[in-house]
Every structure is written in C-alpha cells, then in structure tokens.
Amino acid sequence: MGRYLTTKEAAELLGVEERTVYYYVRDRKPRPPKKGTGFPEPKRFGRTMMHDEKELLAWREGHPARTRPKPPDED
C-alpha cells in the first residue's frame, strides 16, 4: 500500500482536472454499452474518497495521458 491522496492530489498526480477523477471513479466498472475505465477503487471515509498512490501510478502506466495537438501560432 502506498500513501493515500485526496482527490485533488490524485488529479495533480495524474495531470487531469479534479472533476475528471470523479468521472474515472464513476465510470470504473463496465456498464453496457461502455467499457469500464478500470480505475482503482478509492477508499471512502464518510463522503471523502482517498486514492492509493501506488494504484494510481500503476493505472496511469496502462492508461497514458493523451497528447493534445498544439494550436498553430498566430502571427
């Protein structure tokens, strides 16, 4: 077990917005017609979700961040 991160810290670690982490958690289990994200199950303390750092890093290895095209320079 790694250390536990808040959702805000998990978002920073993964390089996404905080609300994206909530979407990953919501969509982690498959529900037809969608496939699940396979995102690690967070521990819940009341309403607070805490994410295991090692599990997040392992998930990120299998799900690399998308590269976005750079906007053309305006002259």
C-alpha atoms as a PDB file:
ATOM      1  CA  MET A   1       0.000   0.000   0.000  1.00  0.00           C
ATOM      2  CA  GLY A   2       1.179   3.460  -0.877  1.00  0.00           C
ATOM      3  CA  ARG A   3       0.200   6.656   0.785  1.00  0.00           C
ATOM      4  CA  TYR A   4      -3.330   7.912   0.365  1.00  0.00           C
ATOM      5  CA  LEU A   5      -4.096  11.025  -1.655  1.00  0.00           C
ATOM      6  CA  THR A   6      -7.110  13.300  -1.679  1.00  0.00           C
ATOM      7  CA  THR A   7      -8.980  13.644  -4.952  1.00  0.00           C
ATOM      8  CA  LYS A   8      -7.255  16.985  -5.562  1.00  0.00           C
ATOM      9  CA  GLU A   9      -3.806  15.425  -5.028  1.00  0.00           C
ATOM     10  CA  ALA A  10      -4.747  12.453  -7.230  1.00  0.00           C
ATOM     11  CA  ALA A  11      -5.758  14.854 -10.012  1.00  0.00           C
ATOM     12  CA  GLU A  12      -2.409  16.638  -9.768  1.00  0.00           C
ATOM     13  CA  LEU A  13      -0.543  13.314  -9.849  1.00  0.00           C
ATOM     14  CA  LEU A  14      -2.434  12.160 -12.950  1.00  0.00           C
ATOM     15  CA  GLY A  15      -2.285  15.548 -14.676  1.00  0.00           C
ATOM     16  CA  VAL A  16      -6.045  15.933 -15.004  1.00  0.00           C
ATOM     17  CA  GLU A  17      -8.736  18.140 -13.512  1.00  0.00           C
ATOM     18  CA  GLU A  18     -10.291  17.161 -10.202  1.00  0.00           C
ATOM     19  CA  ARG A  19     -13.697  16.513 -11.767  1.00  0.00           C
ATOM     20  CA  THR A  20     -12.064  14.081 -14.217  1.00  0.00           C
ATOM     21  CA  VAL A  21     -11.004  11.894 -11.273  1.00  0.00           C
ATOM     22  CA  TYR A  22     -14.647  11.793 -10.151  1.00  0.00           C
ATOM     23  CA  TYR A  23     -15.633  10.718 -13.691  1.00  0.00           C
ATOM     24  CA  TYR A  24     -12.962   7.981 -13.654  1.00  0.00           C
ATOM     25  CA  VAL A  25     -14.352   6.669 -10.346  1.00  0.00           C
ATOM     26  CA  ARG A  26     -17.943   6.815 -11.613  1.00  0.00           C
ATOM     27  CA  ASP A  27     -17.101   5.016 -14.852  1.00  0.00           C
ATOM     28  CA  ARG A  28     -14.607   2.469 -13.481  1.00  0.00           C
ATOM     29  CA  LYS A  29     -16.993  -0.513 -13.736  1.00  0.00           C
ATOM     30  CA  PRO A  30     -18.276  -1.565 -17.163  1.00  0.00           C
ATOM     31  CA  ARG A  31     -21.879  -0.634 -17.904  1.00  0.00           C
ATOM     32  CA  PRO A  32     -23.057  -1.535 -21.391  1.00  0.00           C
ATOM     33  CA  PRO A  33     -22.559  -0.076 -23.906  1.00  0.00           C
ATOM     34  CA  LYS A  34     -19.469   1.465 -22.264  1.00  0.00           C
ATOM     35  CA  LYS A  35     -16.363  -0.367 -21.185  1.00  0.00           C
ATOM     36  CA  GLY A  36     -15.112   0.448 -17.706  1.00  0.00           C
ATOM     37  CA  THR A  37     -12.069   2.620 -17.097  1.00  0.00           C
ATOM     38  CA  GLY A  38     -10.543   0.055 -14.744  1.00  0.00           C
ATOM     39  CA  PHE A  39      -9.742   2.937 -12.400  1.00  0.00           C
ATOM     40  CA  PRO A  40      -8.678   1.808  -8.906  1.00  0.00           C
ATOM     41  CA  GLU A  41     -11.384   1.742  -6.236  1.00  0.00           C
ATOM     42  CA  PRO A  42     -10.839   4.596  -3.773  1.00  0.00           C
ATOM     43  CA  LYS A  43     -11.221   4.100  -0.033  1.00  0.00           C
ATOM     44  CA  ARG A  44     -14.125   6.058   1.377  1.00  0.00           C
ATOM     45  CA  PHE A  45     -14.101   7.778   4.726  1.00  0.00           C
ATOM     46  CA  GLY A  46     -17.604   9.157   5.020  1.00  0.00           C
ATOM     47  CA  ARG A  47     -18.033  11.077   1.749  1.00  0.00           C
ATOM     48  CA  THR A  48     -14.297  11.627   1.305  1.00  0.00           C
ATOM     49  CA  MET A  49     -12.515   9.493  -1.276  1.00  0.00           C
ATOM     50  CA  MET A  50      -8.853   8.655  -0.678  1.00  0.00           C
ATOM     51  CA  HIS A  51      -6.778   7.200  -3.506  1.00  0.00           C
ATOM     52  CA  ASP A  52      -3.806   4.864  -3.110  1.00  0.00           C
ATOM     53  CA  GLU A  53      -0.798   6.489  -4.803  1.00  0.00           C
ATOM     54  CA  LYS A  54       0.763   3.199  -5.985  1.00  0.00           C
ATOM     55  CA  GLU A  55      -2.512   2.016  -7.515  1.00  0.00           C
ATOM     56  CA  LEU A  56      -2.924   5.333  -9.349  1.00  0.00           C
ATOM     57  CA  LEU A  57       0.617   5.192 -10.743  1.00  0.00           C
ATOM     58  CA  ALA A  58       0.103   1.591 -11.886  1.00  0.00           C
ATOM     59  CA  TRP A  59      -3.181   2.575 -13.575  1.00  0.00           C
ATOM     60  CA  ARG A  60      -1.525   5.557 -15.288  1.00  0.00           C
ATOM     61  CA  GLU A  61       1.166   3.270 -16.784  1.00  0.00           C
ATOM     62  CA  GLY A  62      -1.532   1.321 -18.589  1.00  0.00           C
ATOM     63  CA  HIS A  63      -3.522   4.443 -19.462  1.00  0.00           C
ATOM     64  CA  PRO A  64      -1.092   7.125 -20.639  1.00  0.00           C
ATOM     65  CA  ALA A  65      -2.296  10.704 -20.907  1.00  0.00           C
ATOM     66  CA  ARG A  66      -3.391  11.833 -24.346  1.00  0.00           C
ATOM     67  CA  THR A  67      -1.183  14.226 -26.184  1.00  0.00           C
ATOM     68  CA  ARG A  68      -3.079  17.183 -27.480  1.00  0.00           C
ATOM     69  CA  PRO A  69      -2.073  18.931 -30.691  1.00  0.00           C
ATOM     70  CA  LYS A  70      -0.543  22.330 -30.191  1.00  0.00           C
ATOM     71  CA  PRO A  71      -2.564  25.226 -31.603  1.00  0.00           C
ATOM     72  CA  PRO A  72      -0.964  26.914 -34.596  1.00  0.00           C
ATOM     73  CA  ASP A  73       0.940  30.102 -33.846  1.00  0.00           C
ATOM     74  CA  GLU A  74      -0.921  33.214 -34.815  1.00  0.00           C
ATOM     75  CA  ASP A  75       1.157  35.937 -36.423  1.00  0.00           C
END
